[in-house]
Amino acid sequence: MTDAEQSLRARREAVVREHMESENRHDFDATIATFSRPRYEIVPTGDVYDGEAAVRGYFAASRGAFPDQRNEVRSLRHADDAVIAEFDLLGTHLGPLRGIPPTGKAFRCPMTAFFVFEGDRIVCERVYFDSATILRQLGLAPALPGA
């Protein structure tokens, strides 16, 4: 790997770390600044938030439902045009979630996010997780047999 490639990887990793840490601080101006154009794709729900207004709406809705939402990074890996993060997402359901009243229950869910880059700025965060894991912990879906 060339020095330029190593430098780009290091810059991208620093951007992803700032992105995730700023989400934990709820400093969404800093989160938005990690993008060249803000875009989230939440694969399990099919939701796409494209553009700053849509992304800020996503932050307001998700943190309204889970005001203590935060992530704990497990690992970061590099691809040619992305940084892939494995992390746990945690939160407590204290506000309405898509019309569902708060349960007051907490969740922890392993997730993977692909931070797709152009240069050293994110162009998309694409998140994968098992929504049933969260719903079961919130008491909104039955436990699986033997679980």
N, C-alpha and C. Protein backbone atom coordinates (compact mmCIF):
# COMPACT_ATOMS: atom_id res chain seq x y z
N MET A 1 0.84 -1.17 0.00
CA MET A 1 0.00 0.00 0.00
C MET A 1 0.89 1.24 0.00
N THR A 2 0.54 2.20 -0.83
CA THR A 2 1.34 3.42 -0.93
C THR A 2 1.10 4.33 0.27
N ASP A 3 1.98 5.29 0.45
CA ASP A 3 1.80 6.28 1.52
C ASP A 3 0.51 7.06 1.32
N ALA A 4 0.18 7.39 0.09
CA ALA A 4 -1.06 8.14 -0.20
C ALA A 4 -2.29 7.31 0.18
N GLU A 5 -2.26 6.00 -0.14
CA GLU A 5 -3.39 5.13 0.22
C GLU A 5 -3.52 5.00 1.74
N GLN A 6 -2.40 4.85 2.43
CA GLN A 6 -2.42 4.77 3.90
C GLN A 6 -2.95 6.06 4.50
N SER A 7 -2.55 7.18 3.95
CA SER A 7 -3.00 8.48 4.43
C SER A 7 -4.51 8.64 4.24
N LEU A 8 -5.02 8.23 3.07
CA LEU A 8 -6.46 8.30 2.81
C LEU A 8 -7.23 7.40 3.76
N ARG A 9 -6.75 6.19 3.99
CA ARG A 9 -7.40 5.29 4.95
C ARG A 9 -7.45 5.91 6.35
N ALA A 10 -6.34 6.50 6.77
CA ALA A 10 -6.29 7.11 8.10
C ALA A 10 -7.28 8.27 8.20
N ARG A 11 -7.35 9.10 7.15
CA ARG A 11 -8.29 10.23 7.16
C ARG A 11 -9.73 9.71 7.20
N ARG A 12 -10.03 8.69 6.41
CA ARG A 12 -11.39 8.14 6.39
C ARG A 12 -11.75 7.54 7.75
N GLU A 13 -10.84 6.82 8.35
CA GLU A 13 -11.12 6.24 9.67
C GLU A 13 -11.38 7.34 10.70
N ALA A 14 -10.61 8.41 10.65
CA ALA A 14 -10.81 9.54 11.57
C ALA A 14 -12.19 10.17 11.35
N VAL A 15 -12.62 10.27 10.09
CA VAL A 15 -13.94 10.83 9.79
C VAL A 15 -15.03 9.93 10.36
N VAL A 16 -14.91 8.62 10.19
CA VAL A 16 -15.92 7.69 10.72
C VAL A 16 -15.96 7.75 12.24
N ARG A 17 -14.80 7.78 12.87
CA ARG A 17 -14.78 7.88 14.34
C ARG A 17 -15.46 9.17 14.80
N GLU A 18 -15.16 10.29 14.15
CA GLU A 18 -15.81 11.56 14.51
C GLU A 18 -17.30 11.48 14.26
N HIS A 19 -17.70 10.89 13.15
CA HIS A 19 -19.11 10.72 12.82
C HIS A 19 -19.84 9.97 13.94
N MET A 20 -19.29 8.83 14.33
CA MET A 20 -19.95 8.00 15.34
C MET A 20 -19.90 8.66 16.73
N GLU A 21 -18.78 9.27 17.07
CA GLU A 21 -18.68 9.95 18.37
C GLU A 21 -19.61 11.16 18.43
N SER A 22 -19.74 11.89 17.32
CA SER A 22 -20.63 13.06 17.32
C SER A 22 -22.09 12.62 17.42
N GLU A 23 -22.44 11.47 16.86
CA GLU A 23 -23.79 10.93 17.06
C GLU A 23 -24.02 10.65 18.54
N ASN A 24 -23.03 10.08 19.22
CA ASN A 24 -23.16 9.80 20.65
C ASN A 24 -23.34 11.08 21.46
N ARG A 25 -22.66 12.15 21.06
CA ARG A 25 -22.77 13.44 21.76
C ARG A 25 -24.03 14.19 21.36
N HIS A 26 -24.72 13.68 20.34
CA HIS A 26 -25.88 14.36 19.75
C HIS A 26 -25.47 15.72 19.20
N ASP A 27 -24.25 15.80 18.69
CA ASP A 27 -23.73 17.00 18.03
C ASP A 27 -23.93 16.80 16.53
N PHE A 28 -25.18 16.98 16.09
CA PHE A 28 -25.53 16.62 14.73
C PHE A 28 -24.96 17.57 13.69
N ASP A 29 -24.58 18.79 14.08
CA ASP A 29 -23.87 19.65 13.15
C ASP A 29 -22.53 19.01 12.77
N ALA A 30 -21.84 18.45 13.77
CA ALA A 30 -20.56 17.77 13.51
C ALA A 30 -20.78 16.51 12.68
N THR A 31 -21.87 15.78 12.96
CA THR A 31 -22.17 14.58 12.18
C THR A 31 -22.40 14.95 10.72
N ILE A 32 -23.22 15.95 10.48
CA ILE A 32 -23.52 16.41 9.11
C ILE A 32 -22.23 16.81 8.39
N ALA A 33 -21.30 17.41 9.13
CA ALA A 33 -20.05 17.88 8.52
C ALA A 33 -19.15 16.75 8.03
N THR A 34 -19.41 15.50 8.45
CA THR A 34 -18.60 14.38 7.98
C THR A 34 -19.00 13.92 6.58
N PHE A 35 -20.13 14.39 6.09
CA PHE A 35 -20.65 14.03 4.77
C PHE A 35 -20.27 15.08 3.74
N SER A 36 -20.14 14.65 2.48
CA SER A 36 -20.14 15.62 1.40
C SER A 36 -21.59 15.99 1.08
N ARG A 37 -22.49 15.03 1.19
CA ARG A 37 -23.94 15.23 1.13
C ARG A 37 -24.55 14.17 2.04
N PRO A 38 -25.28 14.58 3.08
CA PRO A 38 -25.81 13.61 4.05
C PRO A 38 -26.78 12.62 3.40
N ARG A 39 -26.57 11.33 3.73
CA ARG A 39 -27.47 10.28 3.25
C ARG A 39 -27.33 9.06 4.15
N TYR A 40 -28.45 8.60 4.67
CA TYR A 40 -28.52 7.36 5.43
C TYR A 40 -29.45 6.41 4.69
N GLU A 41 -29.05 5.15 4.61
CA GLU A 41 -29.90 4.08 4.10
C GLU A 41 -30.02 3.06 5.22
N ILE A 42 -31.23 2.90 5.75
CA ILE A 42 -31.49 1.96 6.85
C ILE A 42 -32.09 0.71 6.20
N VAL A 43 -31.27 -0.26 5.91
CA VAL A 43 -31.65 -1.39 5.07
C VAL A 43 -32.85 -2.18 5.64
N PRO A 44 -32.89 -2.55 6.94
CA PRO A 44 -34.01 -3.37 7.40
C PRO A 44 -35.38 -2.70 7.29
N THR A 45 -35.43 -1.37 7.38
CA THR A 45 -36.71 -0.68 7.29
C THR A 45 -37.01 -0.18 5.89
N GLY A 46 -35.98 -0.14 5.05
CA GLY A 46 -36.14 0.39 3.70
C GLY A 46 -36.13 1.91 3.65
N ASP A 47 -35.84 2.56 4.78
CA ASP A 47 -35.84 4.02 4.83
C ASP A 47 -34.56 4.58 4.23
N VAL A 48 -34.72 5.65 3.46
CA VAL A 48 -33.59 6.40 2.91
C VAL A 48 -33.82 7.86 3.29
N TYR A 49 -32.80 8.45 3.90
CA TYR A 49 -32.82 9.86 4.27
C TYR A 49 -31.74 10.54 3.46
N ASP A 50 -32.16 11.32 2.46
CA ASP A 50 -31.22 11.90 1.51
C ASP A 50 -31.29 13.42 1.61
N GLY A 51 -30.16 14.03 1.93
CA GLY A 51 -30.10 15.48 2.07
C GLY A 51 -30.15 15.89 3.53
N GLU A 52 -29.66 17.09 3.79
CA GLU A 52 -29.52 17.54 5.18
C GLU A 52 -30.85 17.60 5.92
N ALA A 53 -31.89 18.12 5.31
CA ALA A 53 -33.18 18.23 6.00
C ALA A 53 -33.73 16.85 6.37
N ALA A 54 -33.64 15.91 5.45
CA ALA A 54 -34.14 14.55 5.72
C ALA A 54 -33.32 13.88 6.82
N VAL A 55 -32.01 14.05 6.80
CA VAL A 55 -31.15 13.45 7.82
C VAL A 55 -31.42 14.07 9.19
N ARG A 56 -31.59 15.38 9.22
CA ARG A 56 -31.92 16.02 10.51
C ARG A 56 -33.27 15.54 11.03
N GLY A 57 -34.21 15.29 10.14
CA GLY A 57 -35.51 14.72 10.54
C GLY A 57 -35.34 13.33 11.12
N TYR A 58 -34.46 12.54 10.51
CA TYR A 58 -34.15 11.20 11.03
C TYR A 58 -33.55 11.29 12.42
N PHE A 59 -32.60 12.20 12.63
CA PHE A 59 -32.01 12.38 13.96
C PHE A 59 -33.09 12.75 14.97
N ALA A 60 -33.96 13.68 14.63
CA ALA A 60 -35.01 14.12 15.56
C ALA A 60 -35.95 12.97 15.92
N ALA A 61 -36.36 12.19 14.93
CA ALA A 61 -37.29 11.08 15.19
C ALA A 61 -36.63 9.96 15.98
N SER A 62 -35.42 9.58 15.60
CA SER A 62 -34.77 8.45 16.28
C SER A 62 -34.37 8.82 17.70
N ARG A 63 -33.91 10.05 17.91
CA ARG A 63 -33.52 10.45 19.27
C ARG A 63 -34.73 10.86 20.09
N GLY A 64 -35.85 11.17 19.44
CA GLY A 64 -37.11 11.37 20.17
C GLY A 64 -37.59 10.07 20.78
N ALA A 65 -37.45 8.98 20.03
CA ALA A 65 -37.84 7.65 20.53
C ALA A 65 -36.82 7.10 21.51
N PHE A 66 -35.55 7.36 21.25
CA PHE A 66 -34.44 6.81 22.06
C PHE A 66 -33.48 7.96 22.42
N PRO A 67 -33.83 8.78 23.42
CA PRO A 67 -33.00 9.95 23.71
C PRO A 67 -31.58 9.62 24.15
N ASP A 68 -31.36 8.41 24.64
CA ASP A 68 -30.02 8.01 25.07
C ASP A 68 -29.33 7.13 24.02
N GLN A 69 -29.82 7.15 22.79
CA GLN A 69 -29.24 6.29 21.74
C GLN A 69 -27.75 6.58 21.60
N ARG A 70 -26.98 5.50 21.52
CA ARG A 70 -25.54 5.62 21.38
C ARG A 70 -24.99 4.36 20.75
N ASN A 71 -23.76 4.46 20.27
CA ASN A 71 -23.10 3.31 19.66
C ASN A 71 -21.81 3.00 20.40
N GLU A 72 -21.46 1.74 20.36
CA GLU A 72 -20.17 1.27 20.89
C GLU A 72 -19.47 0.52 19.77
N VAL A 73 -18.39 1.09 19.27
CA VAL A 73 -17.67 0.52 18.13
C VAL A 73 -16.95 -0.75 18.56
N ARG A 74 -17.15 -1.80 17.78
CA ARG A 74 -16.41 -3.07 17.98
C ARG A 74 -15.17 -3.10 17.10
N SER A 75 -15.34 -2.73 15.83
CA SER A 75 -14.20 -2.76 14.91
C SER A 75 -14.50 -1.91 13.69
N LEU A 76 -13.42 -1.49 13.05
CA LEU A 76 -13.50 -0.78 11.78
C LEU A 76 -12.61 -1.52 10.78
N ARG A 77 -13.12 -1.67 9.56
CA ARG A 77 -12.37 -2.32 8.49
C ARG A 77 -12.44 -1.44 7.26
N HIS A 78 -11.46 -1.60 6.39
CA HIS A 78 -11.36 -0.74 5.22
C HIS A 78 -11.61 -1.52 3.94
N ALA A 79 -12.30 -0.87 3.03
CA ALA A 79 -12.48 -1.35 1.66
C ALA A 79 -11.99 -0.22 0.73
N ASP A 80 -11.96 -0.49 -0.56
CA ASP A 80 -11.44 0.52 -1.48
C ASP A 80 -12.16 1.85 -1.37
N ASP A 81 -13.50 1.82 -1.23
CA ASP A 81 -14.27 3.07 -1.21
C ASP A 81 -15.12 3.20 0.05
N ALA A 82 -14.76 2.46 1.11
CA ALA A 82 -15.61 2.47 2.31
C ALA A 82 -14.82 2.12 3.57
N VAL A 83 -15.41 2.50 4.69
CA VAL A 83 -15.00 1.99 6.00
C VAL A 83 -16.21 1.25 6.53
N ILE A 84 -16.01 0.02 6.98
CA ILE A 84 -17.09 -0.81 7.49
C ILE A 84 -16.95 -0.87 9.01
N ALA A 85 -18.02 -0.48 9.68
CA ALA A 85 -18.03 -0.46 11.15
C ALA A 85 -18.92 -1.56 11.67
N GLU A 86 -18.40 -2.31 12.63
CA GLU A 86 -19.21 -3.22 13.44
C GLU A 86 -19.37 -2.54 14.79
N PHE A 87 -20.61 -2.48 15.26
CA PHE A 87 -20.86 -1.77 16.51
C PHE A 87 -22.13 -2.29 17.15
N ASP A 88 -22.31 -1.97 18.42
CA ASP A 88 -23.57 -2.21 19.10
C ASP A 88 -24.29 -0.87 19.18
N LEU A 89 -25.58 -0.88 18.90
CA LEU A 89 -26.42 0.29 19.11
C LEU A 89 -27.24 0.03 20.36
N LEU A 90 -27.32 1.03 21.22
CA LEU A 90 -28.04 0.90 22.49
C LEU A 90 -28.98 2.07 22.64
N GLY A 91 -30.04 1.86 23.38
CA GLY A 91 -30.96 2.94 23.67
C GLY A 91 -32.11 2.46 24.52
N THR A 92 -32.86 3.42 25.04
CA THR A 92 -34.03 3.14 25.85
C THR A 92 -35.23 3.80 25.18
N HIS A 93 -36.29 3.02 25.01
CA HIS A 93 -37.48 3.48 24.29
C HIS A 93 -38.33 4.38 25.20
N LEU A 94 -38.09 5.69 25.10
CA LEU A 94 -38.75 6.66 25.98
C LEU A 94 -39.68 7.61 25.24
N GLY A 95 -39.77 7.48 23.93
CA GLY A 95 -40.68 8.32 23.14
C GLY A 95 -41.32 7.49 22.05
N PRO A 96 -42.31 8.05 21.36
CA PRO A 96 -43.00 7.27 20.32
C PRO A 96 -42.05 6.84 19.19
N LEU A 97 -42.28 5.63 18.72
CA LEU A 97 -41.49 5.05 17.63
C LEU A 97 -42.46 4.61 16.55
N ARG A 98 -42.53 5.37 15.47
CA ARG A 98 -43.43 5.05 14.36
C ARG A 98 -44.86 4.79 14.87
N GLY A 99 -45.30 5.62 15.79
CA GLY A 99 -46.65 5.51 16.33
C GLY A 99 -46.79 4.54 17.48
N ILE A 100 -45.72 3.85 17.85
CA ILE A 100 -45.76 2.90 18.97
C ILE A 100 -45.39 3.65 20.25
N PRO A 101 -46.25 3.59 21.27
CA PRO A 101 -45.93 4.30 22.52
C PRO A 101 -44.67 3.73 23.16
N PRO A 102 -43.98 4.56 23.95
CA PRO A 102 -42.74 4.10 24.59
C PRO A 102 -42.98 2.94 25.54
N THR A 103 -42.05 2.00 25.54
CA THR A 103 -42.12 0.84 26.44
C THR A 103 -41.28 1.05 27.69
N GLY A 104 -40.35 1.99 27.65
CA GLY A 104 -39.43 2.20 28.77
C GLY A 104 -38.33 1.16 28.84
N LYS A 105 -38.30 0.25 27.87
CA LYS A 105 -37.29 -0.83 27.86
C LYS A 105 -36.08 -0.44 27.02
N ALA A 106 -34.96 -1.02 27.38
CA ALA A 106 -33.70 -0.76 26.68
C ALA A 106 -33.40 -1.88 25.69
N PHE A 107 -32.56 -1.56 24.72
CA PHE A 107 -32.10 -2.57 23.76
C PHE A 107 -30.60 -2.40 23.54
N ARG A 108 -30.01 -3.49 23.07
CA ARG A 108 -28.64 -3.53 22.56
C ARG A 108 -28.69 -4.42 21.34
N CYS A 109 -28.20 -3.90 20.21
CA CYS A 109 -28.29 -4.65 18.96
C CYS A 109 -26.98 -4.52 18.19
N PRO A 110 -26.39 -5.67 17.80
CA PRO A 110 -25.20 -5.60 16.94
C PRO A 110 -25.60 -5.12 15.54
N MET A 111 -24.76 -4.28 14.97
CA MET A 111 -25.05 -3.71 13.66
C MET A 111 -23.76 -3.62 12.84
N THR A 112 -23.96 -3.43 11.56
CA THR A 112 -22.87 -3.14 10.63
C THR A 112 -23.28 -1.94 9.80
N ALA A 113 -22.36 -1.03 9.61
CA ALA A 113 -22.61 0.12 8.74
C ALA A 113 -21.48 0.24 7.73
N PHE A 114 -21.87 0.45 6.50
CA PHE A 114 -20.91 0.76 5.44
C PHE A 114 -20.91 2.27 5.27
N PHE A 115 -19.76 2.88 5.54
CA PHE A 115 -19.58 4.31 5.30
C PHE A 115 -18.91 4.42 3.94
N VAL A 116 -19.69 4.79 2.94
CA VAL A 116 -19.20 4.87 1.57
C VAL A 116 -18.62 6.28 1.35
N PHE A 117 -17.44 6.31 0.77
CA PHE A 117 -16.69 7.56 0.60
C PHE A 117 -16.49 7.93 -0.85
N GLU A 118 -16.41 9.22 -1.07
CA GLU A 118 -15.78 9.81 -2.26
C GLU A 118 -14.71 10.72 -1.69
N GLY A 119 -13.46 10.44 -2.00
CA GLY A 119 -12.36 11.19 -1.39
C GLY A 119 -12.33 10.92 0.11
N ASP A 120 -12.30 12.00 0.90
CA ASP A 120 -12.25 11.79 2.35
C ASP A 120 -13.53 12.27 3.04
N ARG A 121 -14.66 12.25 2.30
CA ARG A 121 -15.95 12.60 2.89
C ARG A 121 -16.95 11.49 2.61
N ILE A 122 -17.82 11.26 3.58
CA ILE A 122 -18.85 10.22 3.47
C ILE A 122 -19.92 10.69 2.48
N VAL A 123 -20.36 9.77 1.62
CA VAL A 123 -21.48 10.05 0.72
C VAL A 123 -22.72 9.24 1.10
N CYS A 124 -22.53 8.20 1.94
CA CYS A 124 -23.67 7.40 2.38
C CYS A 124 -23.26 6.55 3.58
N GLU A 125 -24.15 6.51 4.57
CA GLU A 125 -24.03 5.51 5.64
C GLU A 125 -25.16 4.51 5.42
N ARG A 126 -24.79 3.27 5.13
CA ARG A 126 -25.76 2.19 4.86
C ARG A 126 -25.69 1.22 6.03
N VAL A 127 -26.80 1.10 6.78
CA VAL A 127 -26.82 0.37 8.04
C VAL A 127 -27.62 -0.94 7.90
N TYR A 128 -27.02 -2.02 8.42
CA TYR A 128 -27.65 -3.34 8.42
C TYR A 128 -27.79 -3.83 9.85
N PHE A 129 -28.96 -4.37 10.19
CA PHE A 129 -29.19 -4.97 11.50
C PHE A 129 -30.46 -5.81 11.44
N ASP A 130 -30.67 -6.61 12.48
CA ASP A 130 -31.87 -7.44 12.61
C ASP A 130 -32.87 -6.68 13.47
N SER A 131 -33.90 -6.13 12.85
CA SER A 131 -34.88 -5.34 13.59
C SER A 131 -35.61 -6.16 14.63
N ALA A 132 -35.77 -7.47 14.42
CA ALA A 132 -36.44 -8.32 15.41
C ALA A 132 -35.67 -8.36 16.73
N THR A 133 -34.35 -8.23 16.66
CA THR A 133 -33.54 -8.19 17.89
C THR A 133 -33.97 -7.02 18.76
N ILE A 134 -34.17 -5.87 18.15
CA ILE A 134 -34.59 -4.68 18.90
C ILE A 134 -36.03 -4.84 19.37
N LEU A 135 -36.91 -5.25 18.49
CA LEU A 135 -38.33 -5.36 18.83
C LEU A 135 -38.57 -6.34 19.98
N ARG A 136 -37.84 -7.46 19.99
CA ARG A 136 -37.99 -8.43 21.09
C ARG A 136 -37.57 -7.80 22.41
N GLN A 137 -36.45 -7.08 22.41
CA GLN A 137 -35.96 -6.48 23.65
C GLN A 137 -36.89 -5.37 24.16
N LEU A 138 -37.61 -4.73 23.24
CA LEU A 138 -38.55 -3.69 23.64
C LEU A 138 -39.91 -4.27 24.02
N GLY A 139 -40.05 -5.61 23.90
CA GLY A 139 -41.31 -6.25 24.23
C GLY A 139 -42.36 -6.10 23.14
N LEU A 140 -41.92 -5.81 21.92
CA LEU A 140 -42.84 -5.57 20.81
C LEU A 140 -42.92 -6.75 19.85
N ALA A 141 -42.18 -7.81 20.13
CA ALA A 141 -42.22 -9.03 19.31
C ALA A 141 -41.99 -10.20 20.25
N PRO A 142 -42.59 -11.33 19.93
CA PRO A 142 -42.42 -12.49 20.83
C PRO A 142 -40.99 -13.03 20.82
N ALA A 143 -40.59 -13.58 21.94
CA ALA A 143 -39.29 -14.25 22.01
C ALA A 143 -39.34 -15.50 21.16
N LEU A 144 -38.22 -15.85 20.57
CA LEU A 144 -38.15 -17.06 19.77
C LEU A 144 -38.11 -18.27 20.68
N PRO A 145 -38.69 -19.40 20.25
CA PRO A 145 -38.61 -20.61 21.07
C PRO A 145 -37.16 -20.99 21.34
N GLY A 146 -36.88 -21.35 22.57
CA GLY A 146 -35.53 -21.75 22.96
C GLY A 146 -34.60 -20.59 23.24
N ALA A 147 -35.11 -19.36 23.10
CA ALA A 147 -34.25 -18.18 23.34
C ALA A 147 -34.26 -17.78 24.80
